[in-house]
N, C-alpha and C. Protein backbone atom coordinates (compact mmCIF):
# COMPACT_ATOMS: atom_id res chain seq x y z
N MET A 1 2.14 -27.03 5.39
CA MET A 1 3.34 -26.61 4.71
C MET A 1 3.29 -25.10 4.51
N MET A 2 4.35 -24.43 4.90
CA MET A 2 4.42 -22.98 4.75
C MET A 2 5.00 -22.63 3.39
N LEU A 3 4.29 -21.79 2.65
CA LEU A 3 4.78 -21.33 1.36
C LEU A 3 5.49 -20.01 1.53
N LEU A 4 6.71 -19.96 1.10
CA LEU A 4 7.47 -18.71 1.14
C LEU A 4 7.22 -17.94 -0.14
N PRO A 5 7.48 -16.64 -0.14
CA PRO A 5 7.27 -15.86 -1.36
C PRO A 5 8.11 -16.38 -2.52
N GLU A 6 7.58 -16.25 -3.70
CA GLU A 6 8.34 -16.56 -4.91
C GLU A 6 9.55 -15.63 -4.96
N PRO A 7 10.67 -16.09 -5.49
CA PRO A 7 11.84 -15.22 -5.60
C PRO A 7 11.56 -13.90 -6.32
N ARG A 8 10.67 -13.94 -7.32
CA ARG A 8 10.36 -12.71 -8.07
C ARG A 8 9.61 -11.69 -7.21
N ASP A 9 8.95 -12.16 -6.13
CA ASP A 9 8.17 -11.26 -5.28
C ASP A 9 9.00 -10.61 -4.19
N ILE A 10 10.18 -11.15 -3.91
CA ILE A 10 10.97 -10.66 -2.79
C ILE A 10 11.43 -9.21 -2.98
N PRO A 11 12.03 -8.83 -4.12
CA PRO A 11 12.48 -7.42 -4.23
C PRO A 11 11.36 -6.40 -4.08
N PRO A 12 10.20 -6.55 -4.76
CA PRO A 12 9.16 -5.53 -4.54
C PRO A 12 8.58 -5.56 -3.14
N ARG A 13 8.53 -6.73 -2.52
CA ARG A 13 8.04 -6.79 -1.13
C ARG A 13 8.99 -6.06 -0.21
N LEU A 14 10.30 -6.28 -0.38
CA LEU A 14 11.28 -5.61 0.47
C LEU A 14 11.26 -4.09 0.27
N ALA A 15 11.32 -3.67 -0.99
CA ALA A 15 11.38 -2.23 -1.27
C ALA A 15 10.12 -1.50 -0.80
N THR A 16 8.97 -2.04 -1.16
CA THR A 16 7.72 -1.39 -0.80
C THR A 16 7.46 -1.49 0.70
N GLY A 17 7.74 -2.65 1.27
CA GLY A 17 7.53 -2.83 2.71
C GLY A 17 8.40 -1.90 3.53
N ALA A 18 9.67 -1.77 3.16
CA ALA A 18 10.57 -0.88 3.90
C ALA A 18 10.13 0.57 3.76
N PHE A 19 9.70 0.97 2.57
CA PHE A 19 9.25 2.33 2.33
C PHE A 19 8.03 2.66 3.20
N ILE A 20 7.05 1.77 3.20
CA ILE A 20 5.82 2.02 3.95
C ILE A 20 6.07 1.95 5.46
N LEU A 21 6.86 0.98 5.90
CA LEU A 21 7.18 0.86 7.32
C LEU A 21 7.88 2.12 7.82
N ASN A 22 8.85 2.61 7.06
CA ASN A 22 9.56 3.83 7.44
C ASN A 22 8.61 5.02 7.52
N SER A 23 7.71 5.12 6.58
CA SER A 23 6.74 6.21 6.58
C SER A 23 5.85 6.15 7.83
N GLY A 24 5.40 4.96 8.17
CA GLY A 24 4.56 4.79 9.36
C GLY A 24 5.30 5.12 10.64
N LEU A 25 6.54 4.67 10.75
CA LEU A 25 7.33 4.96 11.94
C LEU A 25 7.56 6.46 12.09
N GLY A 26 7.77 7.14 10.97
CA GLY A 26 7.94 8.59 11.01
C GLY A 26 6.68 9.32 11.46
N LYS A 27 5.53 8.82 11.05
CA LYS A 27 4.27 9.46 11.43
C LYS A 27 3.94 9.28 12.91
N LEU A 28 4.50 8.26 13.55
CA LEU A 28 4.28 8.10 14.99
C LEU A 28 4.83 9.29 15.77
N LYS A 29 5.82 9.97 15.20
CA LYS A 29 6.46 11.11 15.86
C LYS A 29 5.93 12.46 15.33
N ALA A 30 4.84 12.43 14.59
CA ALA A 30 4.32 13.65 13.97
C ALA A 30 3.88 14.66 15.02
N ASP A 31 4.22 15.92 14.77
CA ASP A 31 3.77 16.99 15.66
C ASP A 31 2.34 17.39 15.29
N GLU A 32 1.77 18.31 16.07
CA GLU A 32 0.37 18.70 15.87
C GLU A 32 0.13 19.33 14.50
N ALA A 33 1.07 20.15 14.03
CA ALA A 33 0.91 20.79 12.72
C ALA A 33 0.91 19.75 11.59
N THR A 34 1.79 18.77 11.68
CA THR A 34 1.83 17.70 10.68
C THR A 34 0.54 16.90 10.72
N ALA A 35 0.07 16.57 11.92
CA ALA A 35 -1.17 15.81 12.08
C ALA A 35 -2.35 16.58 11.47
N GLN A 36 -2.40 17.88 11.72
CA GLN A 36 -3.49 18.68 11.16
C GLN A 36 -3.41 18.73 9.64
N GLY A 37 -2.21 18.83 9.09
CA GLY A 37 -2.04 18.85 7.64
C GLY A 37 -2.47 17.54 7.00
N LEU A 38 -2.02 16.43 7.56
CA LEU A 38 -2.41 15.11 7.04
C LEU A 38 -3.91 14.90 7.13
N HIS A 39 -4.46 15.24 8.29
CA HIS A 39 -5.90 15.07 8.51
C HIS A 39 -6.71 15.97 7.57
N GLY A 40 -6.27 17.20 7.41
CA GLY A 40 -6.99 18.13 6.54
C GLY A 40 -7.04 17.65 5.11
N MET A 41 -5.90 17.19 4.60
CA MET A 41 -5.86 16.72 3.22
C MET A 41 -6.75 15.49 3.06
N ALA A 42 -6.64 14.54 3.99
CA ALA A 42 -7.43 13.31 3.89
C ALA A 42 -8.92 13.57 4.04
N SER A 43 -9.30 14.43 4.98
CA SER A 43 -10.72 14.66 5.22
C SER A 43 -11.36 15.50 4.11
N ASN A 44 -10.56 16.26 3.36
CA ASN A 44 -11.11 16.97 2.20
C ASN A 44 -11.54 16.00 1.12
N VAL A 45 -10.80 14.92 0.97
CA VAL A 45 -11.11 13.92 -0.05
C VAL A 45 -12.07 12.85 0.47
N TYR A 46 -11.87 12.47 1.71
CA TYR A 46 -12.72 11.46 2.35
C TYR A 46 -13.39 12.11 3.56
N PRO A 47 -14.54 12.76 3.36
CA PRO A 47 -15.19 13.54 4.42
C PRO A 47 -15.48 12.79 5.72
N PHE A 48 -15.70 11.49 5.66
CA PHE A 48 -15.98 10.74 6.89
C PHE A 48 -14.80 10.78 7.87
N LEU A 49 -13.61 11.05 7.36
CA LEU A 49 -12.44 11.14 8.24
C LEU A 49 -12.44 12.43 9.06
N GLY A 50 -13.27 13.38 8.69
CA GLY A 50 -13.37 14.63 9.44
C GLY A 50 -13.87 14.41 10.86
N LYS A 51 -14.51 13.28 11.12
CA LYS A 51 -15.02 12.99 12.46
C LYS A 51 -13.90 12.64 13.44
N LEU A 52 -12.74 12.26 12.91
CA LEU A 52 -11.61 11.90 13.77
C LEU A 52 -10.81 13.13 14.16
N GLU A 53 -10.26 13.11 15.33
CA GLU A 53 -9.35 14.16 15.78
C GLU A 53 -8.02 13.97 15.02
N PRO A 54 -7.34 15.06 14.59
CA PRO A 54 -6.13 14.94 13.77
C PRO A 54 -5.05 14.03 14.36
N GLY A 55 -4.81 14.13 15.65
CA GLY A 55 -3.79 13.28 16.26
C GLY A 55 -4.14 11.81 16.19
N ARG A 56 -5.40 11.51 16.44
CA ARG A 56 -5.87 10.12 16.38
C ARG A 56 -5.79 9.60 14.96
N PHE A 57 -6.23 10.42 14.00
CA PHE A 57 -6.14 10.03 12.60
C PHE A 57 -4.70 9.70 12.21
N THR A 58 -3.78 10.55 12.62
CA THR A 58 -2.38 10.35 12.25
C THR A 58 -1.81 9.08 12.89
N ARG A 59 -2.18 8.80 14.13
CA ARG A 59 -1.74 7.56 14.78
C ARG A 59 -2.32 6.33 14.06
N LEU A 60 -3.60 6.39 13.70
CA LEU A 60 -4.22 5.29 12.96
C LEU A 60 -3.55 5.08 11.60
N LEU A 61 -3.25 6.19 10.93
CA LEU A 61 -2.56 6.11 9.65
C LEU A 61 -1.18 5.50 9.84
N ALA A 62 -0.46 5.95 10.87
CA ALA A 62 0.88 5.43 11.14
C ALA A 62 0.83 3.93 11.40
N TRP A 63 -0.08 3.49 12.26
CA TRP A 63 -0.15 2.07 12.57
C TRP A 63 -0.63 1.25 11.37
N SER A 64 -1.44 1.83 10.52
CA SER A 64 -1.85 1.14 9.29
C SER A 64 -0.64 0.94 8.38
N GLU A 65 0.16 1.98 8.23
CA GLU A 65 1.36 1.86 7.41
C GLU A 65 2.33 0.83 8.01
N ILE A 66 2.48 0.86 9.31
CA ILE A 66 3.37 -0.10 9.96
C ILE A 66 2.87 -1.54 9.72
N ALA A 67 1.57 -1.76 9.84
CA ALA A 67 1.00 -3.09 9.63
C ALA A 67 1.20 -3.56 8.19
N VAL A 68 0.94 -2.69 7.21
CA VAL A 68 1.10 -3.07 5.81
C VAL A 68 2.58 -3.31 5.50
N GLY A 69 3.45 -2.42 5.96
CA GLY A 69 4.88 -2.60 5.74
C GLY A 69 5.39 -3.89 6.36
N ALA A 70 4.97 -4.17 7.57
CA ALA A 70 5.40 -5.40 8.25
C ALA A 70 4.89 -6.64 7.52
N ALA A 71 3.65 -6.60 7.02
CA ALA A 71 3.10 -7.74 6.28
C ALA A 71 3.94 -8.01 5.03
N LEU A 72 4.34 -6.95 4.35
CA LEU A 72 5.15 -7.13 3.15
C LEU A 72 6.54 -7.67 3.48
N LEU A 73 7.09 -7.27 4.61
CA LEU A 73 8.44 -7.68 4.98
C LEU A 73 8.50 -9.05 5.66
N THR A 74 7.37 -9.58 6.07
CA THR A 74 7.33 -10.85 6.77
C THR A 74 7.10 -11.98 5.77
N PRO A 75 8.10 -12.86 5.59
CA PRO A 75 7.97 -13.88 4.56
C PRO A 75 6.84 -14.89 4.76
N VAL A 76 6.39 -15.09 6.00
CA VAL A 76 5.32 -16.07 6.22
C VAL A 76 3.94 -15.53 5.85
N VAL A 77 3.83 -14.23 5.61
CA VAL A 77 2.56 -13.66 5.15
C VAL A 77 2.47 -13.94 3.64
N PRO A 78 1.45 -14.66 3.21
CA PRO A 78 1.34 -14.97 1.77
C PRO A 78 1.33 -13.69 0.93
N THR A 79 1.95 -13.78 -0.22
CA THR A 79 2.07 -12.61 -1.09
C THR A 79 0.71 -12.06 -1.49
N ARG A 80 -0.23 -12.92 -1.76
CA ARG A 80 -1.57 -12.42 -2.13
C ARG A 80 -2.21 -11.65 -0.99
N LEU A 81 -2.06 -12.13 0.24
CA LEU A 81 -2.62 -11.42 1.39
C LEU A 81 -1.92 -10.08 1.60
N ALA A 82 -0.60 -10.07 1.52
CA ALA A 82 0.15 -8.82 1.63
C ALA A 82 -0.26 -7.88 0.48
N GLY A 83 -0.50 -8.46 -0.70
CA GLY A 83 -0.93 -7.67 -1.85
C GLY A 83 -2.30 -7.05 -1.65
N LEU A 84 -3.20 -7.78 -1.01
CA LEU A 84 -4.52 -7.22 -0.71
C LEU A 84 -4.40 -6.02 0.22
N ALA A 85 -3.56 -6.17 1.26
CA ALA A 85 -3.36 -5.07 2.19
C ALA A 85 -2.74 -3.87 1.48
N LEU A 86 -1.73 -4.13 0.66
CA LEU A 86 -1.07 -3.04 -0.08
C LEU A 86 -2.02 -2.38 -1.07
N THR A 87 -2.83 -3.17 -1.76
CA THR A 87 -3.77 -2.62 -2.73
C THR A 87 -4.81 -1.74 -2.05
N GLY A 88 -5.36 -2.20 -0.95
CA GLY A 88 -6.34 -1.39 -0.23
C GLY A 88 -5.74 -0.09 0.28
N PHE A 89 -4.58 -0.20 0.89
CA PHE A 89 -3.95 0.99 1.45
C PHE A 89 -3.54 1.97 0.36
N SER A 90 -2.84 1.49 -0.65
CA SER A 90 -2.36 2.39 -1.69
C SER A 90 -3.50 2.90 -2.56
N GLY A 91 -4.58 2.12 -2.68
CA GLY A 91 -5.75 2.61 -3.42
C GLY A 91 -6.34 3.84 -2.77
N GLY A 92 -6.41 3.83 -1.43
CA GLY A 92 -6.89 5.02 -0.72
C GLY A 92 -5.98 6.21 -0.91
N LEU A 93 -4.67 5.95 -0.88
CA LEU A 93 -3.71 7.04 -1.08
C LEU A 93 -3.75 7.56 -2.51
N PHE A 94 -3.90 6.64 -3.46
CA PHE A 94 -3.97 7.07 -4.86
C PHE A 94 -5.23 7.89 -5.10
N GLY A 95 -6.30 7.58 -4.37
CA GLY A 95 -7.52 8.39 -4.44
C GLY A 95 -7.25 9.84 -4.03
N LEU A 96 -6.37 10.03 -3.05
CA LEU A 96 -5.98 11.40 -2.67
C LEU A 96 -5.37 12.13 -3.87
N TYR A 97 -4.50 11.43 -4.56
CA TYR A 97 -3.84 12.03 -5.73
C TYR A 97 -4.86 12.39 -6.81
N LEU A 98 -5.79 11.49 -7.07
CA LEU A 98 -6.77 11.72 -8.13
C LEU A 98 -7.77 12.82 -7.78
N ARG A 99 -8.12 12.96 -6.49
CA ARG A 99 -9.20 13.85 -6.10
C ARG A 99 -8.76 15.19 -5.51
N THR A 100 -7.48 15.35 -5.21
CA THR A 100 -7.03 16.61 -4.62
C THR A 100 -6.71 17.60 -5.73
N PRO A 101 -7.35 18.76 -5.72
CA PRO A 101 -7.08 19.76 -6.76
C PRO A 101 -5.61 20.19 -6.75
N GLY A 102 -5.10 20.37 -7.96
CA GLY A 102 -3.73 20.85 -8.11
C GLY A 102 -2.66 19.78 -8.12
N MET A 103 -3.05 18.53 -7.95
CA MET A 103 -2.07 17.44 -7.94
C MET A 103 -1.76 16.93 -9.34
N ARG A 104 -2.71 17.14 -10.27
CA ARG A 104 -2.53 16.67 -11.65
C ARG A 104 -2.66 17.82 -12.62
N GLU A 105 -2.00 17.66 -13.76
CA GLU A 105 -2.16 18.64 -14.83
C GLU A 105 -3.58 18.54 -15.35
N PRO A 106 -4.20 19.66 -15.73
CA PRO A 106 -5.59 19.64 -16.18
C PRO A 106 -5.84 18.63 -17.31
N GLY A 107 -6.85 17.79 -17.13
CA GLY A 107 -7.24 16.80 -18.13
C GLY A 107 -6.24 15.67 -18.30
N SER A 108 -5.39 15.45 -17.32
CA SER A 108 -4.34 14.45 -17.47
C SER A 108 -4.11 13.71 -16.15
N LEU A 109 -3.46 12.57 -16.24
CA LEU A 109 -3.03 11.86 -15.04
C LEU A 109 -1.61 12.28 -14.63
N ARG A 110 -0.95 13.05 -15.48
CA ARG A 110 0.42 13.49 -15.18
C ARG A 110 0.42 14.42 -13.98
N PRO A 111 1.35 14.19 -13.05
CA PRO A 111 1.37 15.02 -11.84
C PRO A 111 1.94 16.41 -12.09
N THR A 112 1.43 17.35 -11.32
CA THR A 112 2.07 18.66 -11.26
C THR A 112 3.27 18.52 -10.32
N GLN A 113 4.03 19.57 -10.16
CA GLN A 113 5.15 19.53 -9.22
C GLN A 113 4.65 19.20 -7.81
N ASP A 114 3.51 19.76 -7.44
CA ASP A 114 2.93 19.48 -6.12
C ASP A 114 2.43 18.04 -6.00
N GLY A 115 2.07 17.43 -7.12
CA GLY A 115 1.48 16.10 -7.09
C GLY A 115 2.47 14.95 -7.13
N ILE A 116 3.73 15.24 -7.34
CA ILE A 116 4.71 14.15 -7.47
C ILE A 116 4.77 13.29 -6.21
N ALA A 117 4.70 13.90 -5.04
CA ALA A 117 4.77 13.13 -3.79
C ALA A 117 3.62 12.13 -3.68
N LEU A 118 2.44 12.48 -4.18
CA LEU A 118 1.30 11.56 -4.12
C LEU A 118 1.26 10.61 -5.31
N ALA A 119 1.85 11.00 -6.43
CA ALA A 119 1.82 10.15 -7.62
C ALA A 119 2.56 8.83 -7.40
N LYS A 120 3.49 8.80 -6.46
CA LYS A 120 4.23 7.57 -6.18
C LYS A 120 3.30 6.46 -5.71
N ASP A 121 2.15 6.80 -5.22
CA ASP A 121 1.23 5.77 -4.76
C ASP A 121 0.73 4.91 -5.92
N SER A 122 0.88 5.38 -7.15
CA SER A 122 0.47 4.59 -8.30
C SER A 122 1.34 3.34 -8.43
N TRP A 123 2.64 3.44 -8.16
CA TRP A 123 3.47 2.25 -8.28
C TRP A 123 3.18 1.27 -7.14
N MET A 124 2.83 1.79 -5.96
CA MET A 124 2.46 0.87 -4.88
C MET A 124 1.16 0.15 -5.22
N LEU A 125 0.22 0.85 -5.83
CA LEU A 125 -1.03 0.23 -6.24
C LEU A 125 -0.75 -0.85 -7.30
N GLY A 126 0.12 -0.55 -8.25
CA GLY A 126 0.48 -1.52 -9.28
C GLY A 126 1.13 -2.77 -8.70
N ILE A 127 2.03 -2.59 -7.74
CA ILE A 127 2.68 -3.73 -7.10
C ILE A 127 1.64 -4.56 -6.34
N GLY A 128 0.76 -3.89 -5.62
CA GLY A 128 -0.28 -4.60 -4.87
C GLY A 128 -1.17 -5.41 -5.79
N LEU A 129 -1.59 -4.82 -6.89
CA LEU A 129 -2.44 -5.54 -7.85
C LEU A 129 -1.69 -6.72 -8.46
N GLY A 130 -0.40 -6.53 -8.71
CA GLY A 130 0.41 -7.63 -9.23
C GLY A 130 0.50 -8.78 -8.24
N PHE A 131 0.64 -8.46 -6.96
CA PHE A 131 0.69 -9.50 -5.93
C PHE A 131 -0.64 -10.24 -5.83
N VAL A 132 -1.73 -9.50 -5.90
CA VAL A 132 -3.05 -10.13 -5.81
C VAL A 132 -3.26 -11.10 -6.98
N GLY A 133 -2.79 -10.74 -8.14
CA GLY A 133 -2.96 -11.58 -9.32
C GLY A 133 -1.83 -12.56 -9.56
N ALA A 134 -0.90 -12.69 -8.61
CA ALA A 134 0.25 -13.57 -8.79
C ALA A 134 -0.18 -15.01 -8.98
N GLY A 135 0.59 -15.74 -9.76
CA GLY A 135 0.27 -17.13 -10.09
C GLY A 135 0.41 -18.10 -8.95
N GLY A 136 1.25 -17.81 -8.01
CA GLY A 136 1.42 -18.69 -6.86
C GLY A 136 2.06 -20.01 -7.22
N SER A 137 1.79 -21.01 -6.42
CA SER A 137 2.44 -22.31 -6.59
C SER A 137 1.73 -23.17 -7.63
N CYS A 138 0.65 -22.70 -8.20
CA CYS A 138 -0.09 -23.49 -9.19
C CYS A 138 0.77 -23.77 -10.42
N ALA A 139 1.53 -22.78 -10.86
CA ALA A 139 2.38 -22.98 -12.03
C ALA A 139 3.45 -24.02 -11.72
N ARG A 140 4.03 -23.97 -10.52
CA ARG A 140 5.03 -24.97 -10.13
C ARG A 140 4.39 -26.35 -10.04
N ALA A 141 3.21 -26.42 -9.44
CA ALA A 141 2.53 -27.70 -9.27
C ALA A 141 2.16 -28.30 -10.62
N ALA A 142 1.68 -27.48 -11.53
CA ALA A 142 1.30 -27.96 -12.85
C ALA A 142 2.52 -28.48 -13.60
N SER A 143 3.64 -27.80 -13.46
CA SER A 143 4.84 -28.24 -14.16
C SER A 143 5.39 -29.54 -13.58
N LYS A 144 5.02 -29.87 -12.34
CA LYS A 144 5.47 -31.11 -11.71
C LYS A 144 4.42 -32.20 -11.81
N GLY A 145 3.34 -31.93 -12.54
CA GLY A 145 2.31 -32.93 -12.75
C GLY A 145 1.30 -33.05 -11.62
N ARG A 146 1.28 -32.13 -10.67
CA ARG A 146 0.30 -32.17 -9.59
C ARG A 146 -1.03 -31.60 -10.05
N THR A 147 -2.07 -31.98 -9.35
CA THR A 147 -3.39 -31.47 -9.71
C THR A 147 -3.53 -30.04 -9.21
N ARG A 148 -4.41 -29.31 -9.81
CA ARG A 148 -4.65 -27.92 -9.43
C ARG A 148 -5.36 -27.80 -8.09
N ARG A 149 -6.01 -28.87 -7.60
CA ARG A 149 -6.70 -28.80 -6.30
C ARG A 149 -5.75 -28.42 -5.18
N ARG A 150 -4.50 -28.76 -5.30
CA ARG A 150 -3.54 -28.52 -4.22
C ARG A 150 -2.84 -27.18 -4.38
N CYS A 151 -3.18 -26.43 -5.40
CA CYS A 151 -2.52 -25.14 -5.64
C CYS A 151 -3.11 -24.09 -4.73
N SER A 152 -2.26 -23.36 -4.08
CA SER A 152 -2.71 -22.24 -3.25
C SER A 152 -1.54 -21.31 -3.06
N ARG A 153 -1.86 -20.15 -2.52
CA ARG A 153 -0.82 -19.18 -2.24
C ARG A 153 -1.20 -18.40 -1.03
């Protein structure tokens, strides 16, 4: 039996999935200067990424965004699984926000003007964590008198 997303999960899956998919599709067309900028920022925070060539890094990033966006937009992908993908991806992006100098006001999580573009990753992380912790069909099954053994998502 295929479980479709709960109605409450559909709006955040659509909004977040479309946002990430669009971002990934845009990065597929990135020029060399954009690729170098993305790679430079990421490798400053995550030094192991410095081993990748900027163009390759940008293509991998683009395809990662496309995969996560598509998972969120595809109803047959369980919400928890899509949430795991979103949490992992947005957690890495949120790490950029937390670790890049000048993105936050000193001693605060509040973004500077430069940090607003990266601060949006906090809501994607929150949505992903919400999906991972979603109740799934167990609440429906319990209300119908079914045993918890059959609950899954």
